[in-house]
Amino acid sequence: MLTRNEKLLKAKLWQYLLPGVMLTASLQIGNVVDAMLVGNILGTDAMSAVKIGMTIDNIMELPGYVLAVGGSVAAGMLLGRRERERANCVFSTTFLVSAACGILFALLSVSSPLLARLLTGGGPLEADVRAFIRVTLLGGPVIGVVLQFISYVAVDSYPGVASAYVIVSNILNLTLDYLLLRFTPLGTAGAALSTILGYALASVVLIPYLRSPRRMLHFTAPKKALAASLKLALSMGLPTLAYMIFDTVRGLALNTLIVRAMGEASMAVFTVCDNVVLIVQMLVGGIIDTLSTIGSVVYGERDYFSVRALVRHVLRYSYAVLAVLMAVLAVFTRQTVGLFGIAGGPLLAMAVPSLRLFLISLPFYVFNSFMTTYYQSTEKEKLSSLVTALRSCVAVLPPAFLLVLLAGPGETEQLRALMIALVLGEVLTVVIVELLRRHKYRGQGLLLLPAAQDGQELDISIDPTMDDTARVPQEIAGFCRRCGVDEKKANLVAVAAEEMTVNIIQYGGRRVRSVDINLCVTPDRLILRTRDNGVPFDPTHYESDAEAFEIHGIELVKRVSDKVQYMRVLDLNNTTVEIALDRAEAEHG
C-alpha cells in the first residue's frame, strides 16, 4: 500500500523555519541590544528604568498583539478550510481595531508623569521612566499597525517579507539607538524614539507584499461581519491576551518587590536574566512559531499526520539549539553579564551565580512556550491560557514573595531566593498542566488530537511518477469497498483522484516533490483532498479550450464531482473535490 510521507511538510518547514527564526531573532535582538546600549552608554540605572517602563509598553501592545496573533491563527485555519472571505474579514477587522487602539494610547501620553510615579514610587528612576513612557505611548499607532502585518504576512505565504521587515526595522532601530544615546541629550526617550522610527521607516519593505496579486488576504469592508470577526480573533488570541495581562501583572509585582524590598543592584541582575530569556526567544521562538503558521493551516485541513510530524521536528530543533545556548551561557557567564554594563565589583559577584542558577529554568521555559503556542494553534485556547497564566504569574509570584521574605534582609540571599522562585514557577507549570491534562483529557496524549477513524479516512502520498499515479485509483477503490461505498461513486472518486494527480505531475513543473492525497468518507459525501508544491494552478478557474492548450482531465473532474474548491495556502496547491452520496448508500455504508 501507498503510505503517507513527510516530504511536503519538511520542505515547507525549512522554507518557513529560517525566515521565522530570523523574524523572531530580529524582534528580540533589538530589545537585547537596546538594553546593552542603554546599560553601557547611559548606565545600569537607565537600563533598569527602561525595564520598568517596558511594563507600559506591554500594556500598549496588548490590543494589537492579541488581535494580530489571534487573527492570524484564525485566518490560517480559515484558509485551510477554504473560507477566504471570512479570513479577509478577520484580517480587516483586526487591522482597524488595532489602529484605533494605537491612536487612543497616543492620546494617553499626557499621563506619563503619573504612570512613572506609580511605577517607581517617586524614586531616583522616575525621570528616566517618565521620558521613556511618554515617547513609547506616542508611538502607539505605528506599533499597532506593525504588529498586524508581521503576523499576517507570514501566514499569507510570505514569511520572507515579514523577516525582511523586522530585520530592516531593527537595523534602523539599533543605528538610531546608538546615535541618539551617544550624541543627543534625549536619554531614555532616545531609546524609545529609535524603536518607533525604525518600525515606521522600515514600512517600505511591505510594499511588494501589498502590491502582490498572489496574496490571499486583502482589505475588505467587514460591515455586519465585524463583530463576528472580532470575536473569532479574540477567542483565538485568548492565550496571547492571558499572556500579556499576566506578564504585565508579573512585571509590576516583581519590579515592585525588587525596587522597594531588595535594591537597585538586584533590579540590574533581574534585567540581565530577562534579557537572557529574550535571547532564548530569539533563537528558539522562531522554531516554535512555525506551529502558528504551518500548524494552524494543516490543523484546519484536519491533516493530523502533519501536525504530529511538525511537533516532533519543532521540539527536536528547539532543544538542540537550547542545549548549545545553555552551554555557552554557563561557560561565558561573566562575559554575558558584562555585555549589559556589569563589569566588576559586588554587582558582578551577585550577577554571575544568579544567572547560572536561572539557567536551570530554560528547558522548562521552552516546553511551556511550546504548549502555549501549540494549544493556541489547535483550538485549545483555554488550556493554552492556563499554561500562560501559570508560567507568567500564578506559579511564579507566590513562591517569589514567600522565598524572598524567608531569605532575610541580605540582598544576595534575597536575589538567590528570587532565582529559585523563577525556576520553580516554570517547573510547577509543567507539573500542574500535565496533571490536569491526564485528568480532563484521559487517554488522548499530549497533543490532544482526535483519534484516527479506522476505515473512514485514507491518507497517502505518492512520488511524482506515473507508476505511483497508476496505483492511486486502486488504493481509492479498495478503500471505498472496505467502507461500503457504492461502486459507481467509488469509481467516480477514483477517476477524480487519478486525473488530479496526473495533472499535477504533468503540469506542476520540476518543483513537485510529492503529492499528498486524502479521502474522507462522511455520512453524506466523499471528500477528496490533494496537495502539491507545483506551480500555482486553480482548477476552478480553468476553462477548456480545445483549439489552444487543454489541461488533462480537469473538465472530467468537474463533471463527475458535485463541488470543487481550490486554495493556495502555505505556497501549496490545495484542491478539494466533493461527491455526494445518496442517503440510502450512506446508510448502507
Protein backbone atom coordinates (compact mmCIF):
# COMPACT_ATOMS: atom_id res chain seq x y z
CA MET A 1 0.00 0.00 0.00
CA LEU A 2 0.99 3.61 -0.51
CA THR A 3 1.82 5.38 2.75
CA ARG A 4 1.91 8.99 3.86
CA ASN A 5 5.31 10.71 3.86
CA GLU A 6 6.68 14.00 5.18
CA LYS A 7 8.29 15.34 2.01
CA LEU A 8 6.00 18.34 1.54
CA LEU A 9 5.93 19.10 5.24
CA LYS A 10 9.72 19.02 5.60
CA ALA A 11 10.18 21.23 2.56
CA LYS A 12 7.62 23.69 3.91
CA LEU A 13 9.11 23.57 7.42
CA TRP A 14 12.54 24.57 6.15
CA GLN A 15 11.01 27.25 3.93
CA TYR A 16 9.33 28.82 6.98
CA LEU A 17 11.92 27.93 9.61
CA LEU A 18 14.75 30.24 8.57
CA PRO A 19 12.55 33.32 7.96
CA GLY A 20 10.68 32.54 11.20
CA VAL A 21 13.89 32.32 13.22
CA MET A 22 15.19 35.48 11.54
CA LEU A 23 11.92 37.28 12.28
CA THR A 24 11.87 36.31 15.96
CA ALA A 25 15.61 36.86 16.32
CA SER A 26 15.32 40.32 14.81
CA LEU A 27 12.41 41.19 17.09
CA GLN A 28 14.28 40.14 20.21
CA ILE A 29 17.78 41.25 19.29
CA GLY A 30 16.55 44.82 19.16
CA ASN A 31 15.35 44.54 22.77
CA VAL A 32 18.55 42.81 23.93
CA VAL A 33 20.93 45.21 22.19
CA ASP A 34 18.79 48.14 23.34
CA ALA A 35 19.43 47.05 26.92
CA MET A 36 23.15 46.63 26.20
CA LEU A 37 23.45 50.08 24.61
CA VAL A 38 21.48 51.79 27.38
CA GLY A 39 23.46 49.96 30.08
CA ASN A 40 26.85 50.79 28.55
CA ILE A 41 26.13 54.35 27.37
CA LEU A 42 23.68 55.68 29.97
CA GLY A 43 24.43 53.33 32.87
CA THR A 44 22.72 50.48 34.70
CA ASP A 45 20.19 52.83 36.36
CA ALA A 46 18.90 53.91 32.94
CA MET A 47 18.81 50.24 31.86
CA SER A 48 16.65 49.46 34.90
CA ALA A 49 14.41 52.44 34.09
CA VAL A 50 13.80 51.13 30.57
CA LYS A 51 13.00 47.70 32.04
CA ILE A 52 10.41 49.29 34.35
CA GLY A 53 8.98 51.41 31.51
CA MET A 54 8.53 48.30 29.36
CA THR A 55 5.54 47.44 31.56
CA ILE A 56 3.63 50.31 29.94
CA ASP A 57 4.97 49.25 26.55
CA ASN A 58 3.50 45.77 27.14
CA ILE A 59 0.12 47.27 28.02
CA MET A 60 0.19 49.45 24.90
CA GLU A 61 0.99 46.46 22.67
CA LEU A 62 -1.71 44.28 24.25
CA PRO A 63 -4.65 45.01 21.85
CA GLY A 64 -2.55 44.92 18.68
CA TYR A 65 -0.56 41.86 19.65
CA VAL A 66 -3.61 39.87 20.81
CA LEU A 67 -5.56 40.71 17.65
CA ALA A 68 -2.55 40.08 15.40
CA VAL A 69 -1.70 36.66 16.83
CA GLY A 70 -5.31 35.55 17.33
CA GLY A 71 -6.40 36.93 13.97
CA SER A 72 -3.52 35.38 12.03
CA VAL A 73 -4.10 31.95 13.64
CA ALA A 74 -7.82 32.24 12.83
CA ALA A 75 -7.06 33.36 9.27
CA GLY A 76 -4.67 30.42 8.81
CA MET A 77 -7.34 27.94 9.92
CA LEU A 78 -9.97 29.61 7.71
CA LEU A 79 -7.68 29.46 4.70
CA GLY A 80 -7.03 25.81 5.48
CA ARG A 81 -10.81 25.31 5.41
CA ARG A 82 -11.09 27.28 2.12
CA GLU A 83 -13.08 30.12 3.77
CA ARG A 84 -11.22 33.01 2.19
CA GLU A 85 -13.92 35.69 2.64
CA ARG A 86 -14.06 35.09 6.39
CA ALA A 87 -10.26 35.21 6.56
CA ASN A 88 -10.30 38.61 4.81
CA CYS A 89 -12.92 39.90 7.27
CA VAL A 90 -10.80 38.84 10.24
CA PHE A 91 -7.71 40.49 8.67
CA SER A 92 -9.51 43.79 8.01
CA THR A 93 -11.32 43.94 11.36
CA THR A 94 -8.22 43.36 13.48
CA PHE A 95 -6.30 45.96 11.48
CA LEU A 96 -8.94 48.66 12.01
CA VAL A 97 -9.43 47.95 15.72
CA SER A 98 -5.68 47.80 16.39
CA ALA A 99 -5.11 51.13 14.64
CA ALA A 100 -7.89 52.75 16.68
CA CYS A 101 -6.37 51.47 19.94
CA GLY A 102 -2.98 52.84 18.90
CA ILE A 103 -4.45 56.33 18.47
CA LEU A 104 -6.06 56.09 21.91
CA PHE A 105 -2.72 55.20 23.55
CA ALA A 106 -1.05 58.15 21.83
CA LEU A 107 -3.64 60.46 23.43
CA LEU A 108 -2.85 58.92 26.83
CA SER A 109 0.79 60.03 26.62
CA VAL A 110 -0.15 63.07 28.75
CA SER A 111 -0.46 60.69 31.72
CA SER A 112 3.21 59.64 31.61
CA PRO A 113 4.24 61.65 34.76
CA LEU A 114 1.55 59.93 36.83
CA LEU A 115 2.42 56.48 35.44
CA ALA A 116 6.14 56.98 36.15
CA ARG A 117 5.46 57.98 39.75
CA LEU A 118 3.23 54.94 40.28
CA LEU A 119 5.84 52.57 38.86
CA THR A 120 8.82 53.95 40.78
CA GLY A 121 7.23 55.23 43.97
CA GLY A 122 8.89 58.58 43.32
CA GLY A 123 12.39 57.07 43.49
CA PRO A 124 15.55 58.13 41.63
CA LEU A 125 14.49 56.29 38.44
CA GLU A 126 11.29 58.32 37.99
CA ALA A 127 12.61 60.90 35.47
CA ASP A 128 14.11 58.28 33.15
CA VAL A 129 10.96 56.14 33.33
CA ARG A 130 8.75 59.14 32.55
CA ALA A 131 10.76 60.09 29.45
CA PHE A 132 10.68 56.52 28.12
CA ILE A 133 6.92 56.10 28.69
CA ARG A 134 5.94 59.39 27.00
CA VAL A 135 7.63 58.57 23.68
CA THR A 136 6.50 54.93 23.80
CA LEU A 137 2.83 55.91 24.10
CA LEU A 138 3.11 58.47 21.29
CA GLY A 139 4.26 55.66 19.01
CA GLY A 140 1.10 53.61 19.67
CA PRO A 141 -0.43 53.90 16.16
CA VAL A 142 2.81 52.76 14.49
CA ILE A 143 3.21 49.74 16.79
CA GLY A 144 -0.45 48.72 16.36
CA VAL A 145 -0.22 48.62 12.56
CA VAL A 146 3.18 46.91 12.54
CA LEU A 147 2.05 44.02 14.74
CA GLN A 148 -0.77 43.21 12.32
CA PHE A 149 1.42 42.97 9.25
CA ILE A 150 4.19 40.96 10.91
CA SER A 151 1.74 38.20 11.88
CA TYR A 152 -0.46 38.11 8.78
CA VAL A 153 2.29 38.34 6.15
CA ALA A 154 3.89 35.11 7.42
CA VAL A 155 0.56 33.23 7.35
CA ASP A 156 -0.13 34.55 3.83
CA SER A 157 2.81 32.57 2.31
CA TYR A 158 5.28 35.49 2.61
CA PRO A 159 7.47 34.64 5.63
CA GLY A 160 10.47 36.21 3.92
CA VAL A 161 8.78 39.61 3.71
CA ALA A 162 7.94 39.55 7.42
CA SER A 163 11.55 38.65 8.25
CA ALA A 164 12.94 41.32 5.93
CA TYR A 165 10.72 43.95 7.53
CA VAL A 166 11.80 43.09 11.08
CA ILE A 167 15.47 42.89 10.10
CA VAL A 168 15.41 46.29 8.40
CA SER A 169 13.45 47.89 11.23
CA ASN A 170 15.90 46.60 13.82
CA ILE A 171 18.94 47.72 11.84
CA LEU A 172 17.41 51.19 11.74
CA ASN A 173 16.43 50.95 15.41
CA LEU A 174 19.91 49.99 16.63
CA THR A 175 21.62 52.56 14.41
CA LEU A 176 19.35 55.32 15.67
CA ASP A 177 19.74 53.94 19.21
CA TYR A 178 23.49 54.47 19.16
CA LEU A 179 23.27 57.90 17.53
CA LEU A 180 20.52 59.23 19.81
CA LEU A 181 22.01 57.82 23.02
CA ARG A 182 25.58 58.83 22.25
CA PHE A 183 25.15 62.23 20.59
CA THR A 184 21.91 63.71 21.95
CA PRO A 185 20.65 64.59 25.45
CA LEU A 186 17.42 62.57 24.96
CA GLY A 187 18.45 59.80 27.36
CA THR A 188 15.90 57.01 27.73
CA ALA A 189 13.49 58.91 25.47
CA GLY A 190 16.01 58.31 22.68
CA ALA A 191 15.78 54.53 23.22
CA ALA A 192 12.00 54.66 22.76
CA LEU A 193 12.17 57.07 19.80
CA SER A 194 14.65 54.90 17.88
CA THR A 195 12.27 51.92 18.12
CA ILE A 196 9.29 53.89 16.79
CA LEU A 197 11.26 55.45 13.95
CA GLY A 198 12.77 52.08 12.99
CA TYR A 199 9.34 50.47 12.65
CA ALA A 200 7.93 53.44 10.71
CA LEU A 201 10.79 53.84 8.22
CA ALA A 202 11.01 50.10 7.50
CA SER A 203 7.39 50.02 6.28
CA VAL A 204 8.64 50.46 2.69
CA VAL A 205 9.66 46.77 2.83
CA LEU A 206 5.95 45.83 2.91
CA ILE A 207 5.16 47.48 -0.44
CA PRO A 208 5.92 44.36 -2.58
CA TYR A 209 3.54 42.30 -0.44
CA LEU A 210 0.76 44.89 -0.60
CA ARG A 211 1.07 45.06 -4.40
CA SER A 212 1.37 41.30 -4.97
CA PRO A 213 -1.51 39.72 -6.94
CA ARG A 214 -0.74 36.34 -5.33
CA ARG A 215 -1.52 37.24 -1.73
CA MET A 216 -4.66 35.64 -0.30
CA LEU A 217 -5.52 38.25 2.36
CA HIS A 218 -6.98 41.60 1.28
CA PHE A 219 -8.68 44.54 2.95
CA THR A 220 -12.46 44.36 2.82
CA ALA A 221 -15.35 46.20 4.48
CA PRO A 222 -16.31 43.96 7.41
CA LYS A 223 -19.81 45.54 7.74
CA LYS A 224 -22.07 43.08 9.58
CA ALA A 225 -19.23 40.58 9.96
CA LEU A 226 -17.17 42.98 12.08
CA ALA A 227 -18.45 41.73 15.45
CA ALA A 228 -18.16 38.06 14.46
CA SER A 229 -14.65 38.55 13.06
CA LEU A 230 -13.52 40.43 16.17
CA LYS A 231 -14.97 37.71 18.40
CA LEU A 232 -13.17 34.98 16.45
CA ALA A 233 -9.84 36.83 16.58
CA LEU A 234 -10.21 37.47 20.30
CA SER A 235 -11.14 33.85 21.02
CA MET A 236 -8.09 32.58 19.14
CA GLY A 237 -6.00 35.29 20.79
CA LEU A 238 -7.19 34.41 24.29
CA PRO A 239 -3.87 32.74 25.26
CA THR A 240 -1.97 35.79 24.00
CA LEU A 241 -4.32 38.08 25.93
CA ALA A 242 -3.75 35.98 29.04
CA TYR A 243 0.00 36.15 28.49
CA MET A 244 0.02 39.92 28.07
CA ILE A 245 -2.17 40.51 31.13
CA PHE A 246 -0.42 38.07 33.43
CA ASP A 247 3.03 39.07 32.18
CA THR A 248 2.19 42.69 32.91
CA VAL A 249 0.98 41.76 36.42
CA ARG A 250 4.13 39.68 36.88
CA GLY A 251 6.32 42.57 35.74
CA LEU A 252 4.61 45.09 38.01
CA ALA A 253 4.73 42.76 41.01
CA LEU A 254 8.35 41.67 40.58
CA ASN A 255 9.54 45.19 39.77
CA THR A 256 7.84 46.48 42.91
CA LEU A 257 9.28 43.67 45.03
CA ILE A 258 12.81 44.19 43.72
CA VAL A 259 12.93 48.00 43.68
CA ARG A 260 11.28 48.53 47.08
CA ALA A 261 12.41 45.47 49.05
CA MET A 262 15.70 44.33 47.50
CA GLY A 263 17.53 47.20 45.81
CA GLU A 264 18.71 48.63 42.50
CA ALA A 265 21.55 46.07 42.19
CA SER A 266 19.02 43.22 42.19
CA MET A 267 16.98 45.08 39.58
CA ALA A 268 20.01 45.21 37.28
CA VAL A 269 20.65 41.46 37.69
CA PHE A 270 16.97 40.67 37.11
CA THR A 271 17.08 42.75 33.93
CA VAL A 272 20.01 40.67 32.67
CA CYS A 273 18.08 37.43 33.35
CA ASP A 274 15.05 38.79 31.50
CA ASN A 275 17.27 39.59 28.53
CA VAL A 276 18.65 36.04 28.57
CA VAL A 277 15.04 34.90 28.14
CA LEU A 278 14.83 37.23 25.14
CA ILE A 279 17.95 35.57 23.72
CA VAL A 280 16.25 32.18 24.09
CA GLN A 281 13.17 33.55 22.33
CA MET A 282 15.43 34.99 19.67
CA LEU A 283 16.93 31.59 18.82
CA VAL A 284 14.15 29.15 19.72
CA GLY A 285 10.98 31.24 19.45
CA GLY A 286 11.06 31.29 15.64
CA ILE A 287 11.16 27.49 15.56
CA ILE A 288 8.18 27.19 17.91
CA ASP A 289 6.25 29.86 15.99
CA THR A 290 6.06 27.59 12.94
CA LEU A 291 3.25 25.92 14.91
CA SER A 292 1.25 29.15 14.43
CA THR A 293 1.93 29.48 10.70
CA ILE A 294 2.17 25.94 9.33
CA GLY A 295 0.47 24.20 12.26
CA SER A 296 -2.75 26.25 12.23
CA VAL A 297 -3.23 25.67 8.50
CA VAL A 298 -2.65 21.89 8.48
CA TYR A 299 -4.80 21.55 11.60
CA GLY A 300 -7.56 23.46 9.81
CA GLU A 301 -7.25 20.94 6.98
CA ARG A 302 -7.57 18.07 9.51
CA ASP A 303 -4.13 16.86 8.46
CA TYR A 304 -3.23 15.37 11.84
CA PHE A 305 -0.34 13.37 10.39
CA SER A 306 1.40 16.64 9.52
CA VAL A 307 0.54 18.14 12.92
CA ARG A 308 2.26 15.26 14.73
CA ALA A 309 5.27 15.34 12.43
CA LEU A 310 5.60 19.12 12.77
CA VAL A 311 5.55 18.91 16.59
CA ARG A 312 8.24 16.23 16.53
CA HIS A 313 10.57 18.34 14.39
CA VAL A 314 9.86 21.57 16.32
CA LEU A 315 10.74 20.02 19.68
CA ARG A 316 13.85 18.32 18.30
CA TYR A 317 15.24 21.51 16.75
CA SER A 318 14.27 23.70 19.73
CA TYR A 319 16.09 21.63 22.32
CA ALA A 320 19.14 21.15 20.12
CA VAL A 321 19.54 24.93 19.86
CA LEU A 322 18.80 25.40 23.57
CA ALA A 323 21.46 22.86 24.59
CA VAL A 324 24.15 24.78 22.70
CA LEU A 325 22.96 28.13 24.08
CA MET A 326 22.92 26.92 27.69
CA ALA A 327 26.43 25.52 27.36
CA VAL A 328 27.70 28.86 26.04
CA LEU A 329 25.96 30.85 28.77
CA ALA A 330 27.21 28.51 31.51
CA VAL A 331 30.83 28.79 30.34
CA PHE A 332 30.80 32.50 29.47
CA THR A 333 28.54 33.78 32.26
CA ARG A 334 30.90 36.58 33.30
CA GLN A 335 31.23 37.81 29.72
CA THR A 336 27.44 37.65 29.26
CA VAL A 337 26.62 39.92 32.22
CA GLY A 338 29.49 42.18 31.12
CA LEU A 339 27.64 42.88 27.89
CA PHE A 340 25.00 44.70 29.94
CA GLY A 341 27.45 47.04 31.67
CA ILE A 342 28.11 44.86 34.73
CA ALA A 343 31.89 44.68 34.57
CA GLY A 344 33.09 44.18 38.14
CA GLY A 345 32.66 44.78 41.85
CA PRO A 346 29.94 43.42 44.14
CA LEU A 347 27.34 43.64 41.36
CA LEU A 348 29.31 41.21 39.18
CA ALA A 349 29.73 38.86 42.16
CA MET A 350 25.94 38.82 42.55
CA ALA A 351 25.12 38.53 38.85
CA VAL A 352 27.24 35.51 37.85
CA PRO A 353 25.86 32.89 40.29
CA SER A 354 22.33 34.28 39.91
CA LEU A 355 22.40 33.86 36.14
CA ARG A 356 23.82 30.34 36.37
CA LEU A 357 21.01 29.38 38.74
CA PHE A 358 18.44 30.98 36.44
CA LEU A 359 19.65 28.84 33.50
CA ILE A 360 18.01 25.78 35.11
CA SER A 361 14.59 27.23 34.24
CA LEU A 362 15.23 27.40 30.47
CA PRO A 363 14.38 23.78 29.43
CA PHE A 364 11.05 24.09 31.25
CA TYR A 365 10.53 27.55 29.78
CA VAL A 366 10.90 26.19 26.23
CA PHE A 367 8.44 23.35 26.86
CA ASN A 368 5.89 25.76 28.33
CA SER A 369 6.34 28.02 25.29
CA PHE A 370 5.68 25.02 23.06
CA MET A 371 2.49 24.12 24.94
CA THR A 372 1.22 27.71 24.82
CA THR A 373 1.71 28.03 21.05
CA TYR A 374 0.60 24.50 20.15
CA TYR A 375 -2.65 24.55 22.09
CA GLN A 376 -3.45 28.01 20.76
CA SER A 377 -2.89 26.84 17.17
CA THR A 378 -5.14 23.78 17.59
CA GLU A 379 -8.22 25.44 19.09
CA LYS A 380 -7.40 24.57 22.72
CA GLU A 381 -7.42 28.22 23.76
CA LYS A 382 -8.44 27.62 27.39
CA LEU A 383 -5.63 25.13 28.00
CA SER A 384 -3.15 27.45 26.32
CA SER A 385 -4.37 30.30 28.50
CA LEU A 386 -3.95 28.17 31.62
CA VAL A 387 -0.31 27.46 30.72
CA THR A 388 0.20 31.17 30.18
CA ALA A 389 -1.43 32.16 33.48
CA LEU A 390 0.65 29.67 35.44
CA ARG A 391 4.05 30.42 33.91
CA SER A 392 3.58 34.18 33.78
CA CYS A 393 2.05 34.84 37.15
CA VAL A 394 0.17 32.27 39.22
CA ALA A 395 3.01 29.76 39.68
CA VAL A 396 5.71 32.45 40.00
CA LEU A 397 4.56 35.30 42.23
CA PRO A 398 3.57 33.38 45.39
CA PRO A 399 6.91 31.49 45.53
CA ALA A 400 8.81 34.71 44.73
CA PHE A 401 7.28 36.78 47.56
CA LEU A 402 7.42 33.88 50.02
CA LEU A 403 11.03 32.86 49.34
CA VAL A 404 12.33 36.46 49.29
CA LEU A 405 10.54 37.11 52.58
CA LEU A 406 12.04 33.99 54.16
CA ALA A 407 15.53 34.79 52.82
CA GLY A 408 16.07 37.59 55.35
CA PRO A 409 17.49 41.10 54.89
CA GLY A 410 20.62 40.26 52.86
CA GLU A 411 20.31 41.32 49.19
CA THR A 412 22.48 38.44 47.92
CA GLU A 413 20.34 35.86 49.72
CA GLN A 414 17.15 37.55 48.52
CA LEU A 415 18.37 37.52 44.93
CA ARG A 416 19.20 33.81 45.14
CA ALA A 417 15.70 33.16 46.55
CA LEU A 418 14.18 35.08 43.63
CA MET A 419 16.10 32.99 41.08
CA ILE A 420 14.92 29.77 42.76
CA ALA A 421 11.32 31.07 42.59
CA LEU A 422 11.65 31.77 38.85
CA VAL A 423 12.89 28.21 38.26
CA LEU A 424 10.17 26.79 40.47
CA GLY A 425 7.47 28.69 38.56
CA GLU A 426 8.40 27.04 35.23
CA VAL A 427 8.64 23.57 36.82
CA LEU A 428 5.29 23.92 38.61
CA THR A 429 3.64 24.95 35.33
CA VAL A 430 4.77 21.75 33.59
CA VAL A 431 3.64 19.57 36.51
CA ILE A 432 0.23 21.22 37.02
CA VAL A 433 -0.67 21.19 33.31
CA GLU A 434 0.37 17.55 32.96
CA LEU A 435 -1.78 16.50 35.94
CA LEU A 436 -4.75 18.47 34.61
CA ARG A 437 -4.37 17.04 31.09
CA ARG A 438 -4.27 13.47 32.41
CA HIS A 439 -7.38 14.09 34.47
CA LYS A 440 -9.51 16.02 31.96
CA TYR A 441 -8.28 14.51 28.67
CA ARG A 442 -7.66 10.96 29.83
CA GLY A 443 -6.04 8.74 27.18
CA GLN A 444 -5.72 11.48 24.50
CA GLY A 445 -1.97 12.12 24.77
CA LEU A 446 -0.05 15.38 24.93
CA LEU A 447 -1.24 16.70 21.53
CA LEU A 448 -4.98 16.12 22.19
CA LEU A 449 -5.67 15.24 18.56
CA PRO A 450 -8.76 13.25 17.51
CA ALA A 451 -8.21 9.52 17.36
CA ALA A 452 -7.78 8.06 13.87
CA GLN A 453 -11.06 6.80 12.38
CA ASP A 454 -10.02 3.41 11.04
CA GLY A 455 -11.68 2.60 7.75
CA GLN A 456 -13.14 6.10 7.27
CA GLU A 457 -10.14 8.11 6.14
CA LEU A 458 -7.40 7.28 3.64
CA ASP A 459 -4.17 9.32 3.84
CA ILE A 460 -1.39 8.59 1.33
CA SER A 461 1.46 10.26 -0.56
CA ILE A 462 2.91 9.50 -3.97
CA ASP A 463 6.14 10.42 -5.70
CA PRO A 464 5.78 12.46 -8.91
CA THR A 465 5.93 9.38 -11.20
CA MET A 466 3.33 7.83 -13.47
CA ASP A 467 3.90 4.44 -11.80
CA ASP A 468 2.75 5.79 -8.42
CA THR A 469 -0.11 7.65 -10.10
CA ALA A 470 -1.38 4.42 -11.63
CA ARG A 471 -1.69 2.92 -8.13
CA VAL A 472 -3.86 5.76 -6.79
CA PRO A 473 -7.24 4.60 -8.24
CA GLN A 474 -6.56 1.07 -6.96
CA GLU A 475 -5.95 2.38 -3.44
CA ILE A 476 -9.06 4.59 -3.63
CA ALA A 477 -11.30 1.81 -4.95
CA GLY A 478 -10.10 -0.70 -2.36
CA PHE A 479 -10.64 1.79 0.45
CA CYS A 480 -14.16 2.60 -0.76
CA ARG A 481 -15.04 -1.10 -0.88
CA ARG A 482 -13.93 -1.51 2.73
CA CYS A 483 -16.15 1.44 3.69
CA GLY A 484 -19.19 0.04 1.83
CA VAL A 485 -19.35 2.89 -0.69
CA ASP A 486 -21.47 2.27 -3.79
CA GLU A 487 -19.27 1.01 -6.65
CA LYS A 488 -20.40 3.78 -9.01
CA LYS A 489 -19.47 6.53 -6.55
CA ALA A 490 -16.22 4.74 -5.72
CA ASN A 491 -15.29 4.68 -9.41
CA LEU A 492 -16.09 8.39 -9.77
CA VAL A 493 -13.84 9.44 -6.87
CA ALA A 494 -11.10 7.06 -8.10
CA VAL A 495 -11.23 8.69 -11.55
CA ALA A 496 -11.16 12.17 -9.99
CA ALA A 497 -8.10 11.24 -7.89
CA GLU A 498 -6.25 9.80 -10.89
CA GLU A 499 -6.99 12.79 -13.11
CA MET A 500 -5.94 15.28 -10.43
CA THR A 501 -2.63 13.51 -9.74
CA VAL A 502 -1.82 13.06 -13.43
CA ASN A 503 -2.47 16.78 -13.96
CA ILE A 504 -0.20 17.71 -11.03
CA ILE A 505 2.67 15.57 -12.28
CA GLN A 506 2.39 16.61 -15.94
CA TYR A 507 1.91 20.34 -15.45
CA GLY A 508 3.13 21.11 -11.92
CA GLY A 509 6.71 21.65 -13.05
CA ARG A 510 10.01 20.31 -11.77
CA ARG A 511 9.42 21.70 -8.29
CA VAL A 512 6.86 18.98 -7.47
CA ARG A 513 8.43 16.78 -4.77
CA SER A 514 5.42 14.78 -3.68
CA VAL A 515 1.61 14.73 -3.79
CA ASP A 516 -0.46 14.23 -0.63
CA ILE A 517 -3.87 12.63 -1.14
CA ASN A 518 -6.60 12.35 1.48
CA LEU A 519 -10.02 10.73 1.03
CA CYS A 520 -12.61 11.09 3.78
CA VAL A 521 -15.90 9.16 3.77
CA THR A 522 -18.60 11.11 5.63
CA PRO A 523 -22.25 10.12 6.10
CA ASP A 524 -23.35 12.12 3.06
CA ARG A 525 -20.33 12.64 0.80
CA LEU A 526 -16.85 11.65 -0.35
CA ILE A 527 -14.26 14.38 0.19
CA LEU A 528 -11.04 14.10 -1.81
CA ARG A 529 -8.15 16.45 -0.97
CA THR A 530 -4.92 16.81 -2.92
CA ARG A 531 -1.92 18.93 -2.01
CA ASP A 532 1.24 19.63 -4.02
CA ASN A 533 4.04 22.19 -4.28
CA GLY A 534 3.84 22.62 -8.05
CA VAL A 535 3.29 25.88 -9.92
CA PRO A 536 0.14 27.75 -8.85
CA PHE A 537 -2.91 26.38 -10.65
CA ASP A 538 -6.58 26.91 -9.79
CA PRO A 539 -8.73 24.23 -11.48
CA THR A 540 -11.94 26.06 -10.56
CA HIS A 541 -11.00 28.91 -12.92
CA TYR A 542 -9.84 26.69 -15.76
CA GLU A 543 -11.95 26.57 -18.91
CA SER A 544 -11.31 24.04 -21.64
CA ASP A 545 -10.07 25.38 -24.98
CA ALA A 546 -9.51 22.52 -27.42
CA GLU A 547 -8.02 24.86 -30.04
CA ALA A 548 -5.33 26.10 -27.67
CA PHE A 549 -3.95 24.28 -24.64
CA GLU A 550 -6.01 21.84 -22.57
CA ILE A 551 -5.09 20.66 -19.09
CA HIS A 552 -5.52 16.91 -18.79
CA GLY A 553 -8.68 15.75 -17.02
CA ILE A 554 -9.83 18.98 -15.31
CA GLU A 555 -13.13 19.10 -17.19
CA LEU A 556 -13.69 15.42 -16.41
CA VAL A 557 -13.13 16.03 -12.69
CA LYS A 558 -15.63 18.89 -12.76
CA ARG A 559 -18.23 16.69 -14.49
CA VAL A 560 -18.01 13.74 -12.07
CA SER A 561 -17.94 15.88 -8.88
CA ASP A 562 -20.54 17.99 -7.11
CA LYS A 563 -18.13 20.61 -5.81
CA VAL A 564 -14.52 21.64 -6.47
CA GLN A 565 -12.65 24.11 -4.24
CA TYR A 566 -9.12 25.48 -4.51
CA MET A 567 -6.85 27.49 -2.22
CA ARG A 568 -3.17 28.40 -2.49
CA VAL A 569 -2.11 28.14 1.16
CA LEU A 570 1.48 27.97 2.50
CA ASP A 571 2.55 28.33 -1.13
CA LEU A 572 0.98 24.91 -1.85
CA ASN A 573 -1.86 23.97 -4.21
CA ASN A 574 -4.75 22.64 -2.12
CA THR A 575 -7.74 21.25 -4.04
CA THR A 576 -10.90 19.67 -2.60
CA VAL A 577 -13.31 17.57 -4.67
CA GLU A 578 -16.65 16.51 -3.19
CA ILE A 579 -19.01 13.80 -4.47
CA ALA A 580 -22.41 13.46 -2.80
CA LEU A 581 -23.66 10.08 -1.58
CA ASP A 582 -27.33 9.13 -1.74
CA ARG A 583 -28.88 8.76 1.70
CA ALA A 584 -29.58 5.07 1.12
CA GLU A 585 -25.97 4.49 0.07
CA ALA A 586 -24.63 6.36 3.09
CA GLU A 587 -26.83 4.37 5.47
CA HIS A 588 -25.74 1.14 3.81
CA GLY A 589 -22.09 2.18 4.19
